[in-house]
Protein backbone atom coordinates (compact mmCIF):
# COMPACT_ATOMS: atom_id res chain seq x y z
CA MET A 1 175.87 65.23 123.03
CA THR A 2 175.18 61.63 125.03
CA LYS A 3 173.83 58.92 123.69
CA ILE A 4 171.07 57.56 125.45
CA GLY A 5 169.78 54.12 124.92
CA SER A 6 171.12 51.43 122.69
CA THR A 7 169.83 51.99 119.18
CA GLY A 8 172.71 55.15 118.41
CA TYR A 9 170.01 57.50 117.16
CA VAL A 10 168.56 58.74 120.57
CA TYR A 11 170.95 61.81 121.88
CA ALA A 12 170.91 63.62 125.14
CA ARG A 13 170.82 67.76 124.19
CA ASN A 14 172.75 70.56 126.35
CA LEU A 15 170.00 73.17 126.10
CA LEU A 16 171.90 75.45 128.69
CA ALA A 17 172.14 78.45 126.43
CA THR A 18 168.25 78.85 127.14
CA ARG A 19 169.21 79.30 130.69
CA LEU A 20 172.42 81.08 130.23
CA TYR A 21 171.15 84.17 127.99
CA ARG A 22 168.97 86.70 128.99
CA CYS A 23 167.99 86.71 125.38
CA PRO A 24 165.82 84.91 122.72
CA VAL A 25 168.03 81.78 122.07
CA VAL A 26 167.55 79.82 118.47
CA TYR A 27 168.99 76.70 118.00
CA CYS A 28 169.68 75.25 114.52
CA GLU A 29 169.57 72.09 113.21
CA PRO A 30 169.74 72.07 109.40
CA TYR A 31 168.94 68.90 106.96
CA VAL A 32 169.74 65.54 107.40
CA MET A 33 173.31 65.10 106.07
CA ASN A 34 173.61 61.78 105.59
CA SER A 35 170.21 61.77 103.52
CA ARG A 36 170.89 61.45 99.64
CA GLU A 37 169.37 64.37 98.83
CA GLY A 38 171.00 66.46 101.37
CA PHE A 39 174.10 65.42 100.50
CA GLU A 40 173.71 66.16 96.91
CA ARG A 41 172.65 69.71 97.52
CA ILE A 42 175.29 70.40 99.96
CA GLN A 43 178.30 69.00 97.19
CA ALA A 44 176.53 71.57 94.75
CA GLY A 45 177.09 74.31 96.76
CA GLU A 46 175.92 77.79 96.19
CA TYR A 47 174.40 78.43 92.43
CA GLU A 48 171.96 80.83 91.18
CA GLY A 49 168.25 80.00 90.65
CA THR A 50 167.07 76.51 91.34
CA ARG A 51 167.78 72.69 90.14
CA THR A 52 166.64 69.71 90.45
CA PHE A 53 166.87 67.52 93.56
CA ASN A 54 164.74 63.88 93.43
CA GLY A 55 162.07 65.53 90.76
CA VAL A 56 161.98 69.07 92.42
CA GLU A 57 163.16 72.39 91.94
CA ARG A 58 165.02 73.36 94.66
CA LYS A 59 167.27 76.87 95.62
CA ASN A 60 170.48 76.11 96.64
CA ILE A 61 170.60 74.63 100.07
CA TYR A 62 172.57 77.43 101.79
CA ARG A 63 169.82 80.14 100.58
CA GLU A 64 167.01 77.55 100.81
CA TYR A 65 168.21 77.27 105.15
CA SER A 66 168.91 80.72 105.54
CA ASP A 67 165.85 82.42 104.11
CA SER A 68 164.04 79.72 106.28
CA LEU A 69 165.93 81.10 109.34
CA VAL A 70 164.85 84.42 108.77
CA ASP A 71 161.34 83.79 107.74
CA GLY A 72 160.93 82.04 111.04
CA LEU A 73 162.24 84.71 112.90
CA VAL A 74 160.70 87.57 111.07
CA GLU A 75 157.25 85.44 111.37
CA TYR A 76 157.93 85.04 115.60
CA TYR A 77 158.63 88.92 116.29
CA ARG A 78 155.86 89.80 113.95
CA LYS A 79 153.38 87.36 116.19
CA ALA A 80 155.27 88.64 119.43
CA ARG A 81 154.32 92.45 118.87
CA ARG A 82 150.68 91.89 118.90
């Protein structure tokens, strides 16, 4: 990525894969890694069931992310078939 401007927070992204491959391309940008809750959940690793983070019961971050990704793809292709 290339920084844009002087804030240090804005980057240009190379989305070349969307032009190179003749198939759907999924870009994944998971959780904000430098957020306190995200960091705590990543450090907790994999676990069964739920744990409380910031007052909210949550699945482990890896399971939550993979389940969300699969759910999104299933929903997209279900709508695309109509």
